[in-house]
PDB file of N, CA and C in Angstrom:
ATOM      1  N   UNK A   1      76.999  32.781   2.104  1.00  0.00           N
ATOM      2  CA  UNK A   1      76.729  32.003   0.617  1.00  0.00           C
ATOM      3  C   UNK A   1      77.083  32.235  -0.423  1.00  0.00           C
ATOM      4  N   UNK A   2      77.999  31.071  -0.863  1.00  0.00           N
ATOM      5  CA  UNK A   2      79.051  31.869  -2.179  1.00  0.00           C
ATOM      6  C   UNK A   2      77.584  31.656  -3.871  1.00  0.00           C
ATOM      7  N   UNK A   3      78.274  32.802  -4.532  1.00  0.00           N
ATOM      8  CA  UNK A   3      77.590  32.906  -5.109  1.00  0.00           C
ATOM      9  C   UNK A   3      77.609  32.043  -6.930  1.00  0.00           C
ATOM     10  N   UNK A   4      77.407  31.898  -7.410  1.00  0.00           N
ATOM     11  CA  UNK A   4      77.778  31.107  -8.659  1.00  0.00           C
ATOM     12  C   UNK A   4      77.655  31.615 -10.031  1.00  0.00           C
ATOM     13  N   UNK A   5      79.082  31.117 -11.059  1.00  0.00           N
ATOM     14  CA  UNK A   5      78.584  32.589 -11.922  1.00  0.00           C
ATOM     15  C   UNK A   5      77.991  31.788 -13.006  1.00  0.00           C
ATOM     16  N   UNK A   6      76.669  31.015 -13.220  1.00  0.00           N
ATOM     17  CA  UNK A   6      75.657  30.509 -13.369  1.00  0.00           C
ATOM     18  C   UNK A   6      74.274  31.701 -12.905  1.00  0.00           C
ATOM     19  N   UNK A   7      74.630  31.712 -11.004  1.00  0.00           N
ATOM     20  CA  UNK A   7      73.782  33.143 -10.788  1.00  0.00           C
ATOM     21  C   UNK A   7      74.277  34.583 -10.846  1.00  0.00           C
ATOM     22  N   UNK A   8      75.781  34.851 -11.579  1.00  0.00           N
ATOM     23  CA  UNK A   8      75.484  35.602 -11.579  1.00  0.00           C
ATOM     24  C   UNK A   8      76.041  36.121 -12.942  1.00  0.00           C
ATOM     25  N   UNK A   9      76.176  35.507 -14.164  1.00  0.00           N
ATOM     26  CA  UNK A   9      75.216  35.351 -15.554  1.00  0.00           C
ATOM     27  C   UNK A   9      74.068  35.689 -15.280  1.00  0.00           C
ATOM     28  N   UNK A  10      73.624  35.217 -15.144  1.00  0.00           N
ATOM     29  CA  UNK A  10      71.385  34.800 -14.466  1.00  0.00           C
ATOM     30  C   UNK A  10      70.736  36.869 -14.281  1.00  0.00           C
ATOM     31  N   UNK A  11      71.868  37.347 -13.439  1.00  0.00           N
ATOM     32  CA  UNK A  11      71.234  38.066 -12.883  1.00  0.00           C
ATOM     33  C   UNK A  11      71.730  39.477 -13.449  1.00  0.00           C
ATOM     34  N   UNK A  12      72.918  38.939 -14.735  1.00  0.00           N
ATOM     35  CA  UNK A  12      73.859  39.897 -15.431  1.00  0.00           C
ATOM     36  C   UNK A  12      72.492  40.545 -16.789  1.00  0.00           C
ATOM     37  N   UNK A  13      72.199  38.902 -17.066  1.00  0.00           N
ATOM     38  CA  UNK A  13      71.722  39.053 -18.552  1.00  0.00           C
ATOM     39  C   UNK A  13      69.738  39.801 -18.467  1.00  0.00           C
ATOM     40  N   UNK A  14      70.073  40.333 -17.011  1.00  0.00           N
ATOM     41  CA  UNK A  14      68.358  41.109 -16.201  1.00  0.00           C
ATOM     42  C   UNK A  14      68.886  42.453 -16.588  1.00  0.00           C
ATOM     43  N   UNK A  15      69.530  42.556 -16.413  1.00  0.00           N
ATOM     44  CA  UNK A  15      69.851  44.350 -16.807  1.00  0.00           C
ATOM     45  C   UNK A  15      70.249  44.746 -18.394  1.00  0.00           C
ATOM     46  N   UNK A  16      69.743  46.162 -17.865  1.00  0.00           N
ATOM     47  CA  UNK A  16      68.863  47.228 -19.349  1.00  0.00           C
ATOM     48  C   UNK A  16      70.606  46.585 -20.062  1.00  0.00           C
ATOM     49  N   UNK A  17      70.890  46.702 -21.611  1.00  0.00           N
ATOM     50  CA  UNK A  17      72.595  47.280 -22.053  1.00  0.00           C
ATOM     51  C   UNK A  17      73.100  47.904 -21.774  1.00  0.00           C
ATOM     52  N   UNK A  18      72.764  48.486 -21.761  1.00  0.00           N
ATOM     53  CA  UNK A  18      73.806  49.474 -20.900  1.00  0.00           C
ATOM     54  C   UNK A  18      74.650  49.890 -19.973  1.00  0.00           C
ATOM     55  N   UNK A  19      73.471  48.949 -18.575  1.00  0.00           N
ATOM     56  CA  UNK A  19      73.845  48.700 -17.902  1.00  0.00           C
ATOM     57  C   UNK A  19      75.041  47.230 -17.770  1.00  0.00           C
ATOM     58  N   UNK A  20      74.950  46.407 -18.585  1.00  0.00           N
ATOM     59  CA  UNK A  20      76.020  45.456 -18.826  1.00  0.00           C
ATOM     60  C   UNK A  20      76.887  45.589 -19.767  1.00  0.00           C
ATOM     61  N   UNK A  21      77.192  46.988 -20.852  1.00  0.00           N
ATOM     62  CA  UNK A  21      77.846  47.540 -20.977  1.00  0.00           C
ATOM     63  C   UNK A  21      79.265  47.667 -19.951  1.00  0.00           C
ATOM     64  N   UNK A  22      78.099  48.220 -19.225  1.00  0.00           N
ATOM     65  CA  UNK A  22      79.586  48.649 -18.227  1.00  0.00           C
ATOM     66  C   UNK A  22      79.292  47.663 -17.282  1.00  0.00           C
ATOM     67  N   UNK A  23      79.044  46.501 -16.647  1.00  0.00           N
ATOM     68  CA  UNK A  23      79.452  45.925 -16.359  1.00  0.00           C
ATOM     69  C   UNK A  23      81.026  45.400 -16.556  1.00  0.00           C
ATOM     70  N   UNK A  24      79.885  45.217 -17.712  1.00  0.00           N
ATOM     71  CA  UNK A  24      81.437  43.850 -19.099  1.00  0.00           C
ATOM     72  C   UNK A  24      82.868  45.165 -19.157  1.00  0.00           C
ATOM     73  N   UNK A  25      82.357  46.449 -18.786  1.00  0.00           N
ATOM     74  CA  UNK A  25      83.753  47.454 -19.569  1.00  0.00           C
ATOM     75  C   UNK A  25      84.453  46.853 -17.869  1.00  0.00           C
ATOM     76  N   UNK A  26      83.773  47.397 -16.769  1.00  0.00           N
ATOM     77  CA  UNK A  26      84.645  47.303 -15.569  1.00  0.00           C
ATOM     78  C   UNK A  26      85.184  45.585 -15.176  1.00  0.00           C
ATOM     79  N   UNK A  27      84.477  44.556 -15.610  1.00  0.00           N
ATOM     80  CA  UNK A  27      85.446  43.484 -15.619  1.00  0.00           C
ATOM     81  C   UNK A  27      86.178  43.690 -16.712  1.00  0.00           C
ATOM     82  N   UNK A  28      86.805  44.212 -17.947  1.00  0.00           N
ATOM     83  CA  UNK A  28      87.363  43.578 -18.482  1.00  0.00           C
ATOM     84  C   UNK A  28      88.412  44.755 -17.780  1.00  0.00           C
ATOM     85  N   UNK A  29      88.154  45.666 -17.073  1.00  0.00           N
ATOM     86  CA  UNK A  29      89.163  47.000 -16.290  1.00  0.00           C
ATOM     87  C   UNK A  29      89.875  45.772 -15.007  1.00  0.00           C
ATOM     88  N   UNK A  30      89.400  44.459 -14.225  1.00  0.00           N
ATOM     89  CA  UNK A  30      90.071  44.285 -14.026  1.00  0.00           C
ATOM     90  C   UNK A  30      90.997  42.980 -13.847  1.00  0.00           C
ATOM     91  N   UNK A  31      90.921  42.636 -14.873  1.00  0.00           N
ATOM     92  CA  UNK A  31      91.411  41.822 -15.186  1.00  0.00           C
ATOM     93  C   UNK A  31      92.714  42.652 -15.849  1.00  0.00           C
ATOM     94  N   UNK A  32      93.474  43.337 -15.800  1.00  0.00           N
ATOM     95  CA  UNK A  32      94.322  44.257 -15.922  1.00  0.00           C
ATOM     96  C   UNK A  32      94.564  46.075 -15.819  1.00  0.00           C
ATOM     97  N   UNK A  33      95.726  46.362 -16.063  1.00  0.00           N
ATOM     98  CA  UNK A  33      96.082  47.790 -16.017  1.00  0.00           C
ATOM     99  C   UNK A  33      96.071  48.258 -17.051  1.00  0.00           C
ATOM    100  N   UNK A  34      95.090  49.008 -17.346  1.00  0.00           N
ATOM    101  CA  UNK A  34      95.000  50.104 -18.492  1.00  0.00           C
ATOM    102  C   UNK A  34      96.195  50.646 -18.981  1.00  0.00           C
ATOM    103  N   UNK A  35      96.439  50.341 -19.897  1.00  0.00           N
ATOM    104  CA  UNK A  35      98.041  51.205 -20.938  1.00  0.00           C
ATOM    105  C   UNK A  35      97.409  52.456 -20.844  1.00  0.00           C
ATOM    106  N   UNK A  36      97.821  53.090 -20.356  1.00  0.00           N
ATOM    107  CA  UNK A  36      97.865  55.144 -20.557  1.00  0.00           C
ATOM    108  C   UNK A  36      98.081  55.847 -21.513  1.00  0.00           C
ATOM    109  N   UNK A  37      98.754  55.354 -23.437  1.00  0.00           N
ATOM    110  CA  UNK A  37      98.473  55.866 -24.276  1.00  0.00           C
ATOM    111  C   UNK A  37      96.941  55.509 -24.680  1.00  0.00           C
ATOM    112  N   UNK A  38      96.533  54.175 -24.301  1.00  0.00           N
ATOM    113  CA  UNK A  38      95.191  54.337 -24.845  1.00  0.00           C
ATOM    114  C   UNK A  38      94.321  55.397 -24.064  1.00  0.00           C
ATOM    115  N   UNK A  39      94.325  54.868 -23.297  1.00  0.00           N
ATOM    116  CA  UNK A  39      93.234  55.468 -22.293  1.00  0.00           C
ATOM    117  C   UNK A  39      93.040  57.231 -22.681  1.00  0.00           C
ATOM    118  N   UNK A  40      94.073  57.576 -22.903  1.00  0.00           N
ATOM    119  CA  UNK A  40      94.476  58.902 -23.181  1.00  0.00           C
ATOM    120  C   UNK A  40      93.774  59.147 -24.722  1.00  0.00           C
ATOM    121  N   UNK A  41      94.021  58.232 -25.557  1.00  0.00           N
ATOM    122  CA  UNK A  41      93.663  58.411 -26.965  1.00  0.00           C
ATOM    123  C   UNK A  41      91.756  58.374 -26.914  1.00  0.00           C
ATOM    124  N   UNK A  42      91.143  57.344 -26.028  1.00  0.00           N
ATOM    125  CA  UNK A  42      90.032  57.248 -26.068  1.00  0.00           C
ATOM    126  C   UNK A  42      89.196  58.165 -25.226  1.00  0.00           C
ATOM    127  N   UNK A  43      89.752  59.298 -24.287  1.00  0.00           N
ATOM    128  CA  UNK A  43      90.340  59.562 -23.390  1.00  0.00           C
ATOM    129  C   UNK A  43      89.193  61.348 -25.177  1.00  0.00           C
ATOM    130  N   UNK A  44      91.256  61.073 -25.601  1.00  0.00           N
ATOM    131  CA  UNK A  44      90.786  62.492 -27.009  1.00  0.00           C
ATOM    132  C   UNK A  44      89.503  62.329 -27.715  1.00  0.00           C
ATOM    133  N   UNK A  45      89.202  60.986 -28.246  1.00  0.00           N
ATOM    134  CA  UNK A  45      87.752  60.712 -28.764  1.00  0.00           C
ATOM    135  C   UNK A  45      86.798  60.696 -28.176  1.00  0.00           C
ATOM    136  N   UNK A  46      86.465  60.628 -27.306  1.00  0.00           N
ATOM    137  CA  UNK A  46      85.305  61.101 -26.619  1.00  0.00           C
ATOM    138  C   UNK A  46      84.858  62.141 -26.396  1.00  0.00           C
ATOM    139  N   UNK A  47      86.022  63.209 -26.128  1.00  0.00           N
ATOM    140  CA  UNK A  47      85.799  64.171 -25.845  1.00  0.00           C
ATOM    141  C   UNK A  47      85.630  65.721 -27.013  1.00  0.00           C
ATOM    142  N   UNK A  48      86.355  64.208 -28.144  1.00  0.00           N
ATOM    143  CA  UNK A  48      85.898  65.474 -29.429  1.00  0.00           C
ATOM    144  C   UNK A  48      84.393  64.780 -29.677  1.00  0.00           C
ATOM    145  N   UNK A  49      83.820  63.277 -30.173  1.00  0.00           N
ATOM    146  CA  UNK A  49      82.789  63.218 -30.137  1.00  0.00           C
ATOM    147  C   UNK A  49      82.424  64.020 -29.453  1.00  0.00           C
ATOM    148  N   UNK A  50      81.816  64.678 -28.049  1.00  0.00           N
ATOM    149  CA  UNK A  50      81.393  65.220 -27.235  1.00  0.00           C
ATOM    150  C   UNK A  50      80.854  66.326 -27.907  1.00  0.00           C
ATOM    151  N   UNK A  51      82.347  66.298 -28.028  1.00  0.00           N
ATOM    152  CA  UNK A  51      82.287  68.972 -29.266  1.00  0.00           C
ATOM    153  C   UNK A  51      81.914  68.547 -30.472  1.00  0.00           C
ATOM    154  N   UNK A  52      81.434  67.423 -31.493  1.00  0.00           N
ATOM    155  CA  UNK A  52      81.159  67.312 -32.424  1.00  0.00           C
ATOM    156  C   UNK A  52      78.909  67.210 -32.027  1.00  0.00           C
ATOM    157  N   UNK A  53      78.808  66.580 -31.768  1.00  0.00           N
ATOM    158  CA  UNK A  53      77.246  66.260 -30.687  1.00  0.00           C
ATOM    159  C   UNK A  53      77.204  67.620 -30.470  1.00  0.00           C
ATOM    160  N   UNK A  54      77.818  68.583 -29.171  1.00  0.00           N
ATOM    161  CA  UNK A  54      77.391  69.343 -29.117  1.00  0.00           C
ATOM    162  C   UNK A  54      77.003  71.181 -30.340  1.00  0.00           C
ATOM    163  N   UNK A  55      77.900  70.600 -31.228  1.00  0.00           N
ATOM    164  CA  UNK A  55      78.199  71.477 -32.287  1.00  0.00           C
ATOM    165  C   UNK A  55      76.779  71.122 -33.122  1.00  0.00           C
ATOM    166  N   UNK A  56      75.740  70.060 -33.136  1.00  0.00           N
ATOM    167  CA  UNK A  56      75.324  69.416 -33.928  1.00  0.00           C
ATOM    168  C   UNK A  56      75.424  68.437 -35.245  1.00  0.00           C
ATOM    169  N   UNK A  57      77.157  68.546 -35.169  1.00  0.00           N
ATOM    170  CA  UNK A  57      77.064  67.259 -36.429  1.00  0.00           C
ATOM    171  C   UNK A  57      77.863  65.686 -36.321  1.00  0.00           C
ATOM    172  N   UNK A  58      76.549  65.693 -34.867  1.00  0.00           N
ATOM    173  CA  UNK A  58      76.843  64.300 -34.531  1.00  0.00           C
ATOM    174  C   UNK A  58      75.865  63.757 -34.196  1.00  0.00           C
ATOM    175  N   UNK A  59      75.103  62.795 -34.476  1.00  0.00           N
ATOM    176  CA  UNK A  59      73.469  62.450 -34.049  1.00  0.00           C
ATOM    177  C   UNK A  59      74.152  61.317 -33.002  1.00  0.00           C
ATOM    178  N   UNK A  60      72.870  61.560 -31.799  1.00  0.00           N
ATOM    179  CA  UNK A  60      72.838  60.625 -30.917  1.00  0.00           C
ATOM    180  C   UNK A  60      71.777  59.210 -31.040  1.00  0.00           C
ATOM    181  N   UNK A  61      72.227  57.789 -30.396  1.00  0.00           N
ATOM    182  CA  UNK A  61      71.037  57.054 -30.204  1.00  0.00           C
ATOM    183  C   UNK A  61      70.495  56.893 -29.397  1.00  0.00           C
ATOM    184  N   UNK A  62      69.812  55.594 -28.283  1.00  0.00           N
ATOM    185  CA  UNK A  62      69.325  55.186 -27.467  1.00  0.00           C
ATOM    186  C   UNK A  62      70.338  54.234 -27.344  1.00  0.00           C
ATOM    187  N   UNK A  63      71.198  53.906 -26.031  1.00  0.00           N
ATOM    188  CA  UNK A  63      71.755  52.416 -26.225  1.00  0.00           C
ATOM    189  C   UNK A  63      70.470  51.719 -26.847  1.00  0.00           C
ATOM    190  N   UNK A  64      69.651  51.423 -25.715  1.00  0.00           N
ATOM    191  CA  UNK A  64      69.054  50.657 -25.738  1.00  0.00           C
ATOM    192  C   UNK A  64      68.167  49.777 -27.411  1.00  0.00           C
ATOM    193  N   UNK A  65      68.181  50.935 -28.193  1.00  0.00           N
ATOM    194  CA  UNK A  65      67.203  50.877 -29.370  1.00  0.00           C
ATOM    195  C   UNK A  65      68.608  50.460 -29.960  1.00  0.00           C
ATOM    196  N   UNK A  66      70.119  50.953 -29.416  1.00  0.00           N
ATOM    197  CA  UNK A  66      70.747  50.338 -30.916  1.00  0.00           C
ATOM    198  C   UNK A  66      70.829  48.727 -30.997  1.00  0.00           C
ATOM    199  N   UNK A  67      71.486  48.308 -29.709  1.00  0.00           N
ATOM    200  CA  UNK A  67      71.447  47.260 -29.165  1.00  0.00           C
ATOM    201  C   UNK A  67      70.450  46.346 -29.432  1.00  0.00           C
ATOM    202  N   UNK A  68      69.009  46.445 -29.342  1.00  0.00           N
ATOM    203  CA  UNK A  68      67.495  46.371 -30.217  1.00  0.00           C
ATOM    204  C   UNK A  68      67.991  46.046 -31.325  1.00  0.00           C
ATOM    205  N   UNK A  69      68.454  46.895 -32.309  1.00  0.00           N
ATOM    206  CA  UNK A  69      68.703  46.884 -33.693  1.00  0.00           C
ATOM    207  C   UNK A  69      69.581  45.999 -33.712  1.00  0.00           C
ATOM    208  N   UNK A  70      71.001  46.304 -33.510  1.00  0.00           N
ATOM    209  CA  UNK A  70      71.883  44.903 -33.065  1.00  0.00           C
ATOM    210  C   UNK A  70      71.172  43.337 -33.065  1.00  0.00           C
ATOM    211  N   UNK A  71      69.856  42.742 -32.644  1.00  0.00           N
ATOM    212  CA  UNK A  71      69.734  42.063 -31.627  1.00  0.00           C
ATOM    213  C   UNK A  71      69.167  41.399 -33.198  1.00  0.00           C
ATOM    214  N   UNK A  72      68.710  42.212 -33.715  1.00  0.00           N
ATOM    215  CA  UNK A  72      67.410  42.103 -34.286  1.00  0.00           C
ATOM    216  C   UNK A  72      67.633  41.052 -35.910  1.00  0.00           C
ATOM    217  N   UNK A  73      67.464  39.533 -36.290  1.00  0.00           N
ATOM    218  CA  UNK A  73      68.070  38.585 -36.898  1.00  0.00           C
ATOM    219  C   UNK A  73      66.822  39.127 -38.149  1.00  0.00           C
ATOM    220  N   UNK A  74      68.427  39.090 -39.167  1.00  0.00           N
ATOM    221  CA  UNK A  74      67.625  38.889 -40.508  1.00  0.00           C
ATOM    222  C   UNK A  74      67.211  37.945 -41.144  1.00  0.00           C
TER     223      UNK A  74
END
C-alpha cells in the first residue's frame, strides 16, 4: 500500500521538534549532494561551539524548549 504525502506529513508533525529537525535535514540532504567546502565550514563551526560549551563559554538549551519558545505568539 502506498503512503500519501499527507499521511507522512501528519505522522511527521507528531514527532518531537528535534526529530523533525533531523528529518528535515535528511530530506534536504536527499535533494542534492552537499558542497564539501560548506560541510567543512559547518564541521569547524560545530567543533568550535562544542569546545566553547565544554569550556563553559557557551550555554546549551533543550531543543524542545527552544522550539516551544519560538512557537509562542506575542
